[in-house]
N, C-alpha and C. Protein backbone atom coordinates (compact mmCIF):
# COMPACT_ATOMS: atom_id res chain seq x y z
N UNK A 1 -115.34 113.91 53.31
CA UNK A 1 -115.12 113.40 52.06
C UNK A 1 -113.70 113.35 51.73
N UNK A 2 -113.14 112.37 51.42
CA UNK A 2 -111.64 112.27 51.07
C UNK A 2 -111.28 112.72 49.63
N UNK A 3 -110.22 113.17 49.53
CA UNK A 3 -109.69 113.60 48.17
C UNK A 3 -109.49 112.41 47.23
N UNK A 4 -109.55 112.68 45.95
CA UNK A 4 -109.28 111.48 45.04
C UNK A 4 -107.87 111.00 45.30
N UNK A 5 -107.65 109.70 44.98
CA UNK A 5 -106.31 109.15 45.27
C UNK A 5 -105.20 109.74 44.46
N UNK A 6 -105.52 110.23 43.23
CA UNK A 6 -104.67 110.78 42.29
C UNK A 6 -104.07 112.02 42.83
N UNK A 7 -104.63 112.72 43.68
CA UNK A 7 -104.20 114.06 44.24
C UNK A 7 -102.92 113.75 45.10
N UNK A 8 -103.03 112.49 45.73
CA UNK A 8 -101.89 112.30 46.65
C UNK A 8 -100.62 111.88 45.87
N UNK A 9 -100.80 111.33 44.79
CA UNK A 9 -99.74 110.74 43.95
C UNK A 9 -99.14 111.71 43.17
N UNK A 10 -99.97 112.78 42.74
CA UNK A 10 -99.59 113.73 41.77
C UNK A 10 -98.94 115.09 42.48
N UNK A 11 -99.38 115.23 43.68
CA UNK A 11 -98.80 116.38 44.42
C UNK A 11 -97.33 116.61 44.52
N UNK A 12 -96.77 115.45 45.07
CA UNK A 12 -95.18 115.31 45.15
C UNK A 12 -94.53 115.62 43.73
N UNK A 13 -95.20 114.91 42.74
CA UNK A 13 -94.74 115.05 41.27
C UNK A 13 -94.77 116.57 40.86
N UNK A 14 -95.94 117.26 41.10
CA UNK A 14 -96.06 118.61 40.71
C UNK A 14 -95.07 119.52 41.50
N UNK A 15 -94.86 119.20 42.76
CA UNK A 15 -93.79 120.09 43.53
C UNK A 15 -92.49 119.87 42.79
N UNK A 16 -92.10 118.62 42.57
CA UNK A 16 -90.79 118.29 41.86
C UNK A 16 -90.72 118.97 40.52
N UNK A 17 -91.74 119.09 39.85
CA UNK A 17 -91.74 119.57 38.49
C UNK A 17 -91.54 121.12 38.66
N UNK A 18 -92.15 121.77 39.64
CA UNK A 18 -92.01 123.16 39.79
C UNK A 18 -90.57 123.46 40.27
N UNK A 19 -89.92 122.58 41.10
CA UNK A 19 -88.67 122.78 41.55
C UNK A 19 -87.53 122.73 40.33
N UNK A 20 -87.91 121.81 39.43
CA UNK A 20 -87.01 121.48 38.24
C UNK A 20 -87.04 122.87 37.49
N UNK A 21 -88.31 123.37 37.24
CA UNK A 21 -88.61 124.59 36.50
C UNK A 21 -87.71 125.68 37.12
N UNK A 22 -87.77 125.85 38.44
CA UNK A 22 -87.20 126.98 39.13
C UNK A 22 -85.67 126.85 39.09
N UNK A 23 -85.25 125.65 39.27
CA UNK A 23 -83.67 125.41 39.07
C UNK A 23 -83.25 125.69 37.65
N UNK A 24 -84.01 125.33 36.66
CA UNK A 24 -83.81 125.64 35.17
C UNK A 24 -83.62 127.12 35.03
N UNK A 25 -84.69 127.88 35.42
CA UNK A 25 -84.91 129.39 35.30
C UNK A 25 -83.52 129.94 36.14
N UNK A 26 -83.24 129.52 37.33
CA UNK A 26 -81.97 130.02 37.87
C UNK A 26 -80.74 129.73 37.21
N UNK A 27 -80.66 128.67 36.68
CA UNK A 27 -79.39 128.32 35.69
C UNK A 27 -79.46 129.17 34.67
N UNK A 28 -80.44 129.35 33.77
CA UNK A 28 -80.57 130.36 32.73
C UNK A 28 -80.16 131.75 33.13
N UNK A 29 -80.67 132.23 34.23
CA UNK A 29 -80.44 133.50 34.73
C UNK A 29 -79.02 133.67 35.05
N UNK A 30 -78.34 132.66 35.76
CA UNK A 30 -77.00 132.65 36.12
C UNK A 30 -76.24 132.59 34.81
N UNK A 31 -76.53 131.94 33.88
CA UNK A 31 -75.72 131.87 32.73
C UNK A 31 -75.77 133.24 31.92
N UNK A 32 -76.89 133.95 31.86
CA UNK A 32 -76.90 135.14 31.37
C UNK A 32 -76.26 136.22 32.06
N UNK A 33 -76.19 136.27 33.43
CA UNK A 33 -75.55 137.18 34.24
C UNK A 33 -74.07 137.10 34.15
N UNK A 34 -73.58 135.77 33.98
CA UNK A 34 -72.15 135.47 33.91
C UNK A 34 -71.44 136.01 32.69
N UNK A 35 -72.36 136.41 31.57
CA UNK A 35 -71.73 136.81 30.35
C UNK A 35 -70.96 138.19 30.52
N UNK A 36 -69.86 138.31 29.98
CA UNK A 36 -69.13 139.45 29.87
C UNK A 36 -69.87 140.53 29.07
N UNK A 37 -70.43 141.54 29.71
CA UNK A 37 -71.12 142.57 28.87
C UNK A 37 -70.31 143.94 29.10
N UNK A 38 -69.14 143.85 29.80
CA UNK A 38 -68.49 145.10 29.95
C UNK A 38 -67.47 145.30 28.89
N UNK A 39 -67.08 144.28 28.09
CA UNK A 39 -66.14 144.40 27.06
C UNK A 39 -66.73 144.12 25.68
N UNK A 40 -66.02 144.87 24.86
CA UNK A 40 -66.50 144.85 23.41
C UNK A 40 -64.99 144.70 22.67
N UNK A 41 -65.03 143.96 21.58
CA UNK A 41 -63.88 143.81 20.75
C UNK A 41 -64.22 144.24 19.35
N UNK A 42 -63.45 145.12 18.72
CA UNK A 42 -63.73 145.33 17.35
C UNK A 42 -62.49 145.02 16.47
N UNK A 43 -62.84 144.29 15.40
CA UNK A 43 -61.80 143.96 14.46
C UNK A 43 -61.99 144.50 13.08
N UNK A 44 -60.95 145.26 12.55
CA UNK A 44 -61.03 145.86 11.36
C UNK A 44 -60.18 144.94 10.26
N UNK A 45 -61.08 144.60 9.26
CA UNK A 45 -60.40 143.69 8.12
C UNK A 45 -59.53 144.65 7.29
N UNK A 46 -59.97 145.95 7.11
CA UNK A 46 -59.23 146.94 6.33
C UNK A 46 -57.88 147.25 6.88
N UNK A 47 -57.89 147.32 8.29
CA UNK A 47 -56.54 147.76 8.91
C UNK A 47 -55.95 146.71 9.49
N UNK A 48 -56.44 145.41 9.59
CA UNK A 48 -55.92 144.36 10.14
C UNK A 48 -55.34 144.72 11.68
N UNK A 49 -56.35 145.31 12.31
CA UNK A 49 -56.16 145.84 13.72
C UNK A 49 -57.38 145.46 14.58
N UNK A 50 -57.12 145.29 15.91
CA UNK A 50 -58.23 145.10 16.82
C UNK A 50 -58.34 146.00 17.89
N UNK A 51 -59.47 146.61 18.19
CA UNK A 51 -59.53 147.57 19.43
C UNK A 51 -60.47 146.89 20.52
N UNK A 52 -60.09 146.97 21.64
CA UNK A 52 -60.73 146.52 22.89
C UNK A 52 -61.32 147.49 23.89
N UNK A 53 -62.49 147.44 24.09
CA UNK A 53 -63.23 148.56 24.91
C UNK A 53 -63.69 147.86 26.18
N UNK A 54 -63.67 148.65 27.17
CA UNK A 54 -64.21 148.21 28.49
C UNK A 54 -65.18 149.40 28.91
N UNK A 55 -66.45 149.03 28.92
CA UNK A 55 -67.54 149.83 29.44
C UNK A 55 -67.38 151.13 28.35
N UNK A 56 -67.14 150.99 27.22
CA UNK A 56 -67.14 152.08 26.19
C UNK A 56 -65.90 153.01 26.10
N UNK A 57 -64.81 152.50 26.79
CA UNK A 57 -63.58 153.22 26.85
C UNK A 57 -62.61 152.29 26.27
N UNK A 58 -61.78 152.61 25.19
CA UNK A 58 -60.85 151.99 24.58
C UNK A 58 -59.65 151.72 25.65
N UNK A 59 -59.31 150.35 25.75
CA UNK A 59 -58.19 149.94 26.62
C UNK A 59 -57.06 149.41 25.87
N UNK A 60 -57.13 149.04 24.78
CA UNK A 60 -56.01 148.39 23.93
C UNK A 60 -56.34 148.28 22.47
N UNK A 61 -55.12 148.24 21.75
CA UNK A 61 -55.21 147.88 20.28
C UNK A 61 -54.03 146.90 19.90
N UNK A 62 -54.46 145.97 19.23
CA UNK A 62 -53.36 144.94 18.73
C UNK A 62 -53.52 144.70 17.04
N UNK A 63 -52.46 144.35 16.66
CA UNK A 63 -52.29 143.85 15.30
C UNK A 63 -52.96 142.49 15.19
N UNK A 64 -53.43 142.21 14.04
CA UNK A 64 -54.20 140.93 13.71
C UNK A 64 -53.91 140.43 12.36
N UNK A 65 -54.32 139.24 12.15
CA UNK A 65 -54.25 138.77 10.64
C UNK A 65 -55.55 137.88 10.37
N UNK A 66 -56.26 138.39 9.44
CA UNK A 66 -57.53 137.61 9.15
C UNK A 66 -57.34 136.86 7.88
N UNK A 67 -58.37 136.44 7.21
CA UNK A 67 -58.17 135.47 6.21
C UNK A 67 -57.69 135.94 4.91
N UNK A 68 -56.78 135.19 4.34
CA UNK A 68 -56.27 135.69 3.00
C UNK A 68 -57.28 135.40 1.91
N UNK A 69 -58.31 134.70 2.21
CA UNK A 69 -59.32 134.45 1.19
C UNK A 69 -60.53 135.30 1.20
N UNK A 70 -60.37 136.53 2.04
CA UNK A 70 -61.53 137.44 2.02
C UNK A 70 -62.60 137.14 3.18
N UNK A 71 -63.76 137.78 3.07
CA UNK A 71 -64.67 137.73 4.16
C UNK A 71 -65.90 136.88 3.72
N UNK A 72 -66.50 136.20 4.75
CA UNK A 72 -67.82 135.37 4.24
C UNK A 72 -67.89 134.43 5.31
N UNK A 73 -68.91 133.63 5.22
CA UNK A 73 -69.28 132.49 6.28
C UNK A 73 -69.74 131.20 5.60
N UNK A 74 -69.41 131.07 4.32
CA UNK A 74 -69.88 129.82 3.62
C UNK A 74 -68.78 128.67 4.24
N UNK A 75 -69.36 127.56 4.70
CA UNK A 75 -68.56 126.48 5.14
C UNK A 75 -67.66 125.97 4.10
N UNK A 76 -66.30 125.87 4.37
CA UNK A 76 -65.30 125.32 3.66
C UNK A 76 -64.74 126.50 2.80
N UNK A 77 -65.11 127.82 3.01
CA UNK A 77 -64.57 128.82 2.23
C UNK A 77 -63.29 129.50 2.74
N UNK A 78 -62.98 129.10 4.10
CA UNK A 78 -61.74 129.61 4.63
C UNK A 78 -61.84 131.09 4.83
N UNK A 79 -62.92 131.70 4.89
CA UNK A 79 -63.09 133.18 4.87
C UNK A 79 -63.36 133.66 6.25
N UNK A 80 -63.12 134.93 6.60
CA UNK A 80 -63.47 135.42 8.03
C UNK A 80 -64.77 136.03 8.00
N UNK A 81 -65.84 135.64 8.91
CA UNK A 81 -67.16 136.19 8.83
C UNK A 81 -67.06 137.49 9.49
N UNK A 82 -68.10 138.28 9.12
CA UNK A 82 -68.18 139.68 9.67
C UNK A 82 -69.48 139.78 10.36
N UNK A 83 -69.52 140.81 11.21
CA UNK A 83 -70.83 141.13 11.88
C UNK A 83 -70.73 140.94 13.48
N UNK A 84 -71.75 140.81 13.99
CA UNK A 84 -71.81 140.54 15.56
C UNK A 84 -71.69 139.10 15.96
N UNK A 85 -70.53 139.00 16.76
CA UNK A 85 -70.29 137.49 17.29
C UNK A 85 -70.02 137.67 18.68
N UNK A 86 -69.86 136.67 19.47
CA UNK A 86 -69.54 136.53 20.82
C UNK A 86 -68.53 135.41 21.10
N UNK A 87 -67.77 135.72 22.20
CA UNK A 87 -66.86 134.62 22.72
C UNK A 87 -67.73 133.51 23.35
N UNK A 88 -67.73 132.32 22.76
CA UNK A 88 -68.44 131.32 23.11
C UNK A 88 -67.77 130.43 24.16
N UNK A 89 -66.29 130.33 23.93
CA UNK A 89 -65.58 129.53 24.92
C UNK A 89 -64.09 130.09 25.06
N UNK A 90 -63.49 129.99 26.05
CA UNK A 90 -62.03 130.45 26.11
C UNK A 90 -61.19 129.07 26.66
N UNK A 91 -60.32 128.88 25.88
CA UNK A 91 -59.44 127.58 25.97
C UNK A 91 -58.00 128.00 26.17
N UNK A 92 -57.34 127.16 27.03
CA UNK A 92 -55.89 127.33 27.15
C UNK A 92 -55.39 128.26 28.26
N UNK A 93 -56.18 128.55 29.30
CA UNK A 93 -55.75 129.32 30.47
C UNK A 93 -54.53 128.67 31.12
N UNK A 94 -53.34 129.49 31.23
CA UNK A 94 -52.26 128.93 31.91
C UNK A 94 -51.18 128.35 31.00
N UNK A 95 -51.48 128.09 29.72
CA UNK A 95 -50.51 127.35 28.78
C UNK A 95 -49.46 128.38 28.48
N UNK A 96 -48.28 127.85 28.30
CA UNK A 96 -47.15 128.63 28.15
C UNK A 96 -47.30 129.35 26.66
N UNK A 97 -46.49 130.44 26.46
CA UNK A 97 -46.59 131.06 25.14
C UNK A 97 -45.90 130.10 24.18
N UNK A 98 -46.71 130.00 22.96
CA UNK A 98 -46.18 128.97 21.96
C UNK A 98 -46.72 127.64 21.99
N UNK A 99 -47.44 127.27 22.99
CA UNK A 99 -48.00 125.85 23.20
C UNK A 99 -48.88 125.67 22.04
N UNK A 100 -48.54 124.46 21.43
CA UNK A 100 -49.47 124.12 20.18
C UNK A 100 -50.75 123.33 20.58
N UNK A 101 -51.67 123.74 19.97
CA UNK A 101 -53.03 122.98 20.34
C UNK A 101 -53.61 122.32 19.08
N UNK A 102 -53.97 121.07 19.29
CA UNK A 102 -54.67 120.44 18.17
C UNK A 102 -56.01 119.93 18.61
N UNK A 103 -57.06 120.05 17.93
CA UNK A 103 -58.37 119.94 18.34
C UNK A 103 -58.64 120.49 19.68
N UNK A 104 -58.21 121.68 19.86
CA UNK A 104 -58.40 122.57 21.03
C UNK A 104 -57.66 121.99 22.23
N UNK A 105 -56.85 120.93 22.04
CA UNK A 105 -56.25 120.46 23.33
C UNK A 105 -54.59 120.74 23.14
N UNK A 106 -54.03 121.16 24.23
CA UNK A 106 -52.50 121.21 24.32
C UNK A 106 -51.82 120.01 24.01
N UNK A 107 -50.77 120.13 23.01
CA UNK A 107 -50.00 119.00 22.60
C UNK A 107 -48.78 118.59 23.33
N UNK A 108 -48.26 119.79 24.16
CA UNK A 108 -47.06 119.70 24.83
C UNK A 108 -45.89 120.23 24.04
N UNK A 109 -46.14 120.56 22.84
CA UNK A 109 -45.03 121.19 21.98
C UNK A 109 -45.07 122.48 21.97
N UNK A 110 -43.89 123.22 22.31
CA UNK A 110 -43.86 124.71 22.06
C UNK A 110 -43.17 125.01 20.73
N UNK A 111 -43.90 125.88 20.06
CA UNK A 111 -43.46 126.23 18.66
C UNK A 111 -42.93 127.74 18.73
N UNK A 112 -41.69 128.01 18.29
CA UNK A 112 -41.00 129.12 18.30
C UNK A 112 -41.57 130.25 17.46
N UNK A 113 -41.56 131.38 17.84
CA UNK A 113 -42.10 132.51 16.84
C UNK A 113 -41.47 132.35 15.61
N UNK A 114 -42.27 132.41 14.57
CA UNK A 114 -41.61 132.55 13.09
C UNK A 114 -40.84 131.23 12.86
N UNK A 115 -41.15 130.10 13.32
CA UNK A 115 -40.43 128.93 13.06
C UNK A 115 -40.74 128.65 11.70
N UNK A 116 -39.72 128.28 10.85
CA UNK A 116 -39.96 128.10 9.39
C UNK A 116 -40.85 126.89 9.16
N UNK A 117 -41.78 127.19 8.22
CA UNK A 117 -42.75 126.07 7.96
C UNK A 117 -43.78 125.61 9.03
N UNK A 118 -43.97 126.40 10.03
CA UNK A 118 -44.88 126.01 11.18
C UNK A 118 -46.02 127.04 11.18
N UNK A 119 -47.23 126.52 11.17
CA UNK A 119 -48.37 127.43 11.26
C UNK A 119 -49.62 126.87 12.14
N UNK A 120 -49.33 126.33 13.19
CA UNK A 120 -50.42 125.70 14.03
C UNK A 120 -51.12 126.92 14.96
N UNK A 121 -52.09 126.40 15.54
CA UNK A 121 -52.76 127.37 16.59
C UNK A 121 -51.92 127.19 17.90
N UNK A 122 -51.50 128.27 18.41
CA UNK A 122 -50.69 128.17 19.67
C UNK A 122 -51.42 129.22 20.72
N UNK A 123 -50.94 129.04 22.07
CA UNK A 123 -51.15 129.88 23.12
C UNK A 123 -52.41 130.04 23.76
N UNK A 124 -53.33 130.48 23.05
CA UNK A 124 -54.74 130.71 23.46
C UNK A 124 -55.72 130.55 22.33
N UNK A 125 -57.01 130.12 22.88
CA UNK A 125 -58.08 130.12 21.83
C UNK A 125 -59.34 130.57 22.34
N UNK A 126 -60.02 131.69 21.73
CA UNK A 126 -61.29 132.26 22.03
C UNK A 126 -62.18 131.84 20.83
N UNK A 127 -62.99 130.92 21.14
CA UNK A 127 -63.96 130.30 20.10
C UNK A 127 -65.20 131.17 20.04
N UNK A 128 -65.52 131.62 18.73
CA UNK A 128 -66.46 132.68 18.42
C UNK A 128 -67.80 131.86 17.98
N UNK A 129 -68.88 132.58 18.58
CA UNK A 129 -70.19 132.10 17.94
C UNK A 129 -70.80 133.30 17.31
N UNK A 130 -71.49 133.05 16.00
CA UNK A 130 -72.08 134.15 15.38
C UNK A 130 -73.45 134.47 15.95
N UNK A 131 -73.81 135.73 15.79
CA UNK A 131 -75.17 136.17 16.36
C UNK A 131 -76.06 136.61 15.32
N UNK A 132 -75.70 136.61 14.09
CA UNK A 132 -76.44 137.07 12.94
C UNK A 132 -76.46 136.03 11.91
N UNK A 133 -77.45 136.15 11.05
CA UNK A 133 -77.71 135.11 9.96
C UNK A 133 -76.47 135.04 8.92
N UNK A 134 -75.81 136.19 8.77
CA UNK A 134 -74.57 136.17 7.94
C UNK A 134 -73.37 135.67 8.56
N UNK A 135 -73.27 135.25 9.79
CA UNK A 135 -72.22 134.44 10.52
C UNK A 135 -72.59 133.45 11.24
N UNK A 136 -73.73 132.89 11.06
CA UNK A 136 -74.29 131.68 11.71
C UNK A 136 -73.53 130.49 11.85
N UNK A 137 -72.61 130.42 10.92
CA UNK A 137 -71.83 129.18 10.86
C UNK A 137 -70.45 129.18 11.42
N UNK A 138 -70.23 130.37 12.16
CA UNK A 138 -68.90 130.58 12.73
C UNK A 138 -68.60 129.56 13.68
N UNK A 139 -69.38 129.20 14.63
CA UNK A 139 -69.09 128.30 15.65
C UNK A 139 -68.72 127.09 15.02
N UNK A 140 -69.64 126.40 14.15
CA UNK A 140 -69.20 125.06 13.53
C UNK A 140 -68.18 125.00 12.63
N UNK A 141 -67.81 126.28 12.02
CA UNK A 141 -66.66 126.51 11.24
C UNK A 141 -65.28 126.44 12.13
N UNK A 142 -65.63 126.65 13.47
CA UNK A 142 -64.48 126.78 14.42
C UNK A 142 -63.53 127.96 13.99
N UNK A 143 -64.21 129.17 14.03
CA UNK A 143 -63.62 130.46 13.86
C UNK A 143 -63.17 130.81 15.27
N UNK A 144 -61.88 131.08 15.38
CA UNK A 144 -61.26 131.36 16.73
C UNK A 144 -60.49 132.87 16.61
N UNK A 145 -60.36 133.36 17.75
CA UNK A 145 -59.18 134.34 17.92
C UNK A 145 -58.14 133.50 18.58
N UNK A 146 -56.94 133.41 17.97
CA UNK A 146 -55.85 132.52 18.56
C UNK A 146 -54.39 133.08 18.25
N UNK A 147 -53.60 132.58 19.03
CA UNK A 147 -52.21 132.82 18.78
C UNK A 147 -51.65 132.14 17.65
N UNK A 148 -50.66 132.82 17.04
CA UNK A 148 -49.97 132.26 15.87
C UNK A 148 -48.46 132.33 16.05
N UNK A 149 -47.68 131.28 15.60
CA UNK A 149 -46.23 131.59 15.59
C UNK A 149 -45.63 132.59 14.41
N UNK A 150 -46.61 132.66 13.32
CA UNK A 150 -46.37 133.48 12.27
C UNK A 150 -46.48 134.99 12.44
N UNK A 151 -45.87 135.46 13.53
CA UNK A 151 -45.93 136.76 13.89
C UNK A 151 -45.47 137.76 12.99
N UNK A 152 -44.54 137.42 12.13
CA UNK A 152 -44.09 138.49 11.18
C UNK A 152 -45.20 138.70 10.14
N UNK A 153 -46.14 138.00 10.19
CA UNK A 153 -47.24 138.24 9.06
C UNK A 153 -48.56 138.88 9.73
N UNK A 154 -48.30 139.24 11.00
CA UNK A 154 -49.50 139.99 11.62
C UNK A 154 -49.50 141.37 11.11
N UNK A 155 -50.70 141.79 10.73
CA UNK A 155 -50.81 143.18 10.19
C UNK A 155 -51.26 143.00 8.52
N UNK A 156 -51.21 141.64 7.98
CA UNK A 156 -51.55 141.39 6.73
C UNK A 156 -52.39 140.03 6.84
N UNK A 157 -53.40 140.02 5.66
CA UNK A 157 -54.25 138.84 5.73
C UNK A 157 -53.43 137.52 5.42
N UNK A 158 -53.63 136.63 6.22
CA UNK A 158 -52.80 135.28 6.15
C UNK A 158 -53.51 134.08 6.62
N UNK A 159 -54.78 134.22 7.37
CA UNK A 159 -55.34 133.11 7.95
C UNK A 159 -56.19 132.32 7.14
N UNK A 160 -56.85 131.26 7.68
CA UNK A 160 -57.84 130.41 6.89
C UNK A 160 -59.18 130.66 7.57
N UNK A 161 -59.42 131.93 7.90
CA UNK A 161 -60.71 132.23 8.43
C UNK A 161 -60.75 132.77 9.87
N UNK A 162 -59.65 132.43 10.74
CA UNK A 162 -59.54 132.78 12.09
C UNK A 162 -59.05 134.11 12.18
N UNK A 163 -58.88 134.61 13.30
CA UNK A 163 -58.30 136.09 13.71
C UNK A 163 -57.07 135.73 14.49
N UNK A 164 -55.86 135.79 13.85
CA UNK A 164 -54.65 135.52 14.62
C UNK A 164 -54.04 136.55 15.30
N UNK A 165 -53.34 136.34 16.36
CA UNK A 165 -52.60 137.41 17.14
C UNK A 165 -51.31 136.91 17.62
N UNK A 166 -50.44 137.82 17.92
CA UNK A 166 -49.17 137.47 18.47
C UNK A 166 -49.47 136.89 19.90
N UNK A 167 -48.77 135.86 20.41
CA UNK A 167 -48.92 135.10 21.46
C UNK A 167 -49.11 136.12 22.63
N UNK A 168 -48.16 137.16 22.88
CA UNK A 168 -48.26 137.84 24.01
C UNK A 168 -49.58 138.68 24.07
N UNK A 169 -50.03 139.08 22.85
CA UNK A 169 -51.27 139.86 22.80
C UNK A 169 -52.56 138.94 22.92
N UNK A 170 -52.50 137.82 22.48
CA UNK A 170 -53.79 137.05 22.74
C UNK A 170 -53.92 136.57 24.16
N UNK A 171 -52.60 136.47 24.78
CA UNK A 171 -52.81 136.14 26.40
C UNK A 171 -53.41 137.47 27.06
N UNK A 172 -52.90 138.51 26.67
CA UNK A 172 -53.54 139.89 27.29
C UNK A 172 -55.03 139.99 26.97
N UNK A 173 -55.48 139.74 25.71
CA UNK A 173 -56.84 139.81 25.55
C UNK A 173 -57.73 138.62 26.28
N UNK A 174 -57.18 137.49 26.35
CA UNK A 174 -57.68 136.24 27.15
C UNK A 174 -57.85 136.67 28.57
N UNK A 175 -56.93 137.42 29.01
CA UNK A 175 -56.98 137.77 30.64
C UNK A 175 -57.98 138.94 30.72
N UNK A 176 -58.31 139.60 29.67
CA UNK A 176 -59.06 140.97 29.74
C UNK A 176 -60.58 140.58 29.65
N UNK A 177 -61.03 139.84 28.70
CA UNK A 177 -62.34 139.66 28.24
C UNK A 177 -62.88 138.20 28.76
N UNK A 178 -64.21 138.10 28.94
CA UNK A 178 -64.75 136.86 29.48
C UNK A 178 -65.66 136.23 28.40
N UNK A 179 -66.17 135.12 28.64
CA UNK A 179 -67.00 134.51 27.80
C UNK A 179 -68.30 135.39 27.78
N UNK A 180 -68.86 135.33 26.49
CA UNK A 180 -69.87 136.20 26.30
C UNK A 180 -69.66 137.69 25.67
N UNK A 181 -68.35 138.08 25.80
CA UNK A 181 -68.02 139.34 25.37
C UNK A 181 -68.28 139.42 23.88
N UNK A 182 -68.73 140.64 23.46
CA UNK A 182 -69.20 140.80 22.12
C UNK A 182 -67.94 141.09 21.18
N UNK A 183 -68.03 140.55 19.92
CA UNK A 183 -66.89 140.71 19.03
C UNK A 183 -67.49 141.22 17.65
N UNK A 184 -67.17 142.44 17.30
CA UNK A 184 -67.67 142.96 15.93
C UNK A 184 -66.45 142.91 15.01
N UNK A 185 -66.69 142.23 13.91
CA UNK A 185 -65.60 142.18 12.79
C UNK A 185 -66.27 142.91 11.65
N UNK A 186 -65.60 143.93 11.07
CA UNK A 186 -66.08 144.71 10.20
C UNK A 186 -65.03 144.97 9.04
N UNK A 187 -65.50 145.19 7.80
CA UNK A 187 -64.53 145.48 6.78
C UNK A 187 -64.05 146.93 6.78
N UNK A 188 -64.49 147.67 7.61
CA UNK A 188 -64.30 149.24 7.74
C UNK A 188 -63.12 149.38 8.79
N UNK A 189 -62.51 150.57 8.60
CA UNK A 189 -61.47 151.01 9.63
C UNK A 189 -62.10 151.10 11.07
N UNK A 190 -61.17 151.00 12.01
CA UNK A 190 -61.63 151.25 13.45
C UNK A 190 -61.94 152.71 13.79
N UNK A 191 -62.75 153.00 14.58
CA UNK A 191 -62.92 154.46 14.98
C UNK A 191 -61.63 155.15 15.42
N UNK A 192 -61.55 156.30 15.37
CA UNK A 192 -60.32 156.99 15.73
C UNK A 192 -59.81 156.61 17.17
N UNK A 193 -58.54 156.34 17.24
CA UNK A 193 -58.06 155.87 18.48
C UNK A 193 -58.20 156.78 19.69
N UNK A 194 -58.64 156.16 20.65
CA UNK A 194 -59.07 156.95 21.80
C UNK A 194 -58.38 156.47 23.16
N UNK A 195 -57.21 155.73 22.95
CA UNK A 195 -56.49 155.29 24.10
C UNK A 195 -55.87 156.63 24.76
N UNK A 196 -56.04 156.70 26.13
CA UNK A 196 -55.46 157.85 26.89
C UNK A 196 -53.80 157.88 26.53
N UNK A 197 -53.47 159.25 26.47
CA UNK A 197 -51.92 159.28 26.19
C UNK A 197 -51.39 159.96 27.36
N UNK A 198 -50.07 159.53 27.60
CA UNK A 198 -49.45 160.10 28.76
C UNK A 198 -49.01 161.50 28.33
N UNK A 199 -49.32 162.48 29.46
CA UNK A 199 -48.88 163.83 29.26
C UNK A 199 -47.45 163.98 29.30
N UNK A 200 -46.85 164.74 28.42
CA UNK A 200 -45.57 165.04 28.48
C UNK A 200 -45.12 165.91 29.75
N UNK A 201 -44.01 165.54 30.19
CA UNK A 201 -43.44 166.25 31.43
C UNK A 201 -43.16 167.83 31.07
N UNK A 202 -43.43 168.62 31.87
CA UNK A 202 -43.23 170.13 31.59
C UNK A 202 -41.87 170.27 31.26
N UNK A 203 -41.50 171.16 30.27
CA UNK A 203 -40.17 171.38 29.92
C UNK A 203 -39.33 172.21 30.98
N UNK A 204 -38.23 171.69 31.26
CA UNK A 204 -37.49 172.30 32.29
C UNK A 204 -36.80 173.60 31.92
N UNK A 205 -36.94 174.62 32.70
CA UNK A 205 -36.47 175.99 32.33
C UNK A 205 -34.94 176.03 32.47
N UNK A 206 -34.27 176.04 31.51
CA UNK A 206 -32.71 176.05 31.45
C UNK A 206 -32.24 177.39 31.41
N UNK A 207 -33.04 178.48 31.32
CA UNK A 207 -32.47 179.93 31.42
C UNK A 207 -32.15 180.17 32.79
N UNK A 208 -30.88 180.75 32.88
CA UNK A 208 -30.34 181.17 34.16
C UNK A 208 -30.66 182.67 34.47
N UNK A 209 -31.22 182.93 35.29
CA UNK A 209 -31.51 184.47 35.67
C UNK A 209 -30.19 185.16 35.83
N UNK A 210 -30.12 186.38 35.09
CA UNK A 210 -29.04 187.16 35.48
C UNK A 210 -28.95 187.86 36.54
N UNK A 211 -27.86 187.95 37.32
CA UNK A 211 -27.74 188.73 38.66
C UNK A 211 -28.04 190.03 38.29
N UNK A 212 -28.79 190.80 39.24
CA UNK A 212 -29.03 192.27 39.02
C UNK A 212 -27.81 193.14 39.23
């Protein structure tokens, strides 16, 4: 007894379908595994400061500048969203300090620090994606962590929703964390600083022993 004809025609298709499903599963697994889960970034609206953690240990702190319009996630509000987010894309690797970006592309222009009347996105971009309902618009609103030439305003609210950093600081952050790293933006102060401090050298004994 011979097998029905459809078995011969559909068997290769079934194998191809299984192969496609397997490749898709591997791609999703690879994507999940490639996300940076070792690093966490905390941004304090209250302090205008950022703390970076690696496997739970604080490794750096930086000054930042968040929105001068307050906090929120309403499109068009120019406010900084709060809550749990992640780094969706990193843009600008290798660009020189002060490189101006337009539409996330380098323009070739270098903007000097604190150049009068200049307020573009410079140096690096870390594009954020919201992970909660209260910040779900962050990616479409193009909320970034990015460099700014207005370094004199770091430490005070000045942005239009993004998180601004000094160029040297955003390069250090860019080189430390990967895509998928969690970013927590909070209105509260940062936890007490836990950066390791260098131990002071032992005081040298300047007393000269008297001869007997």
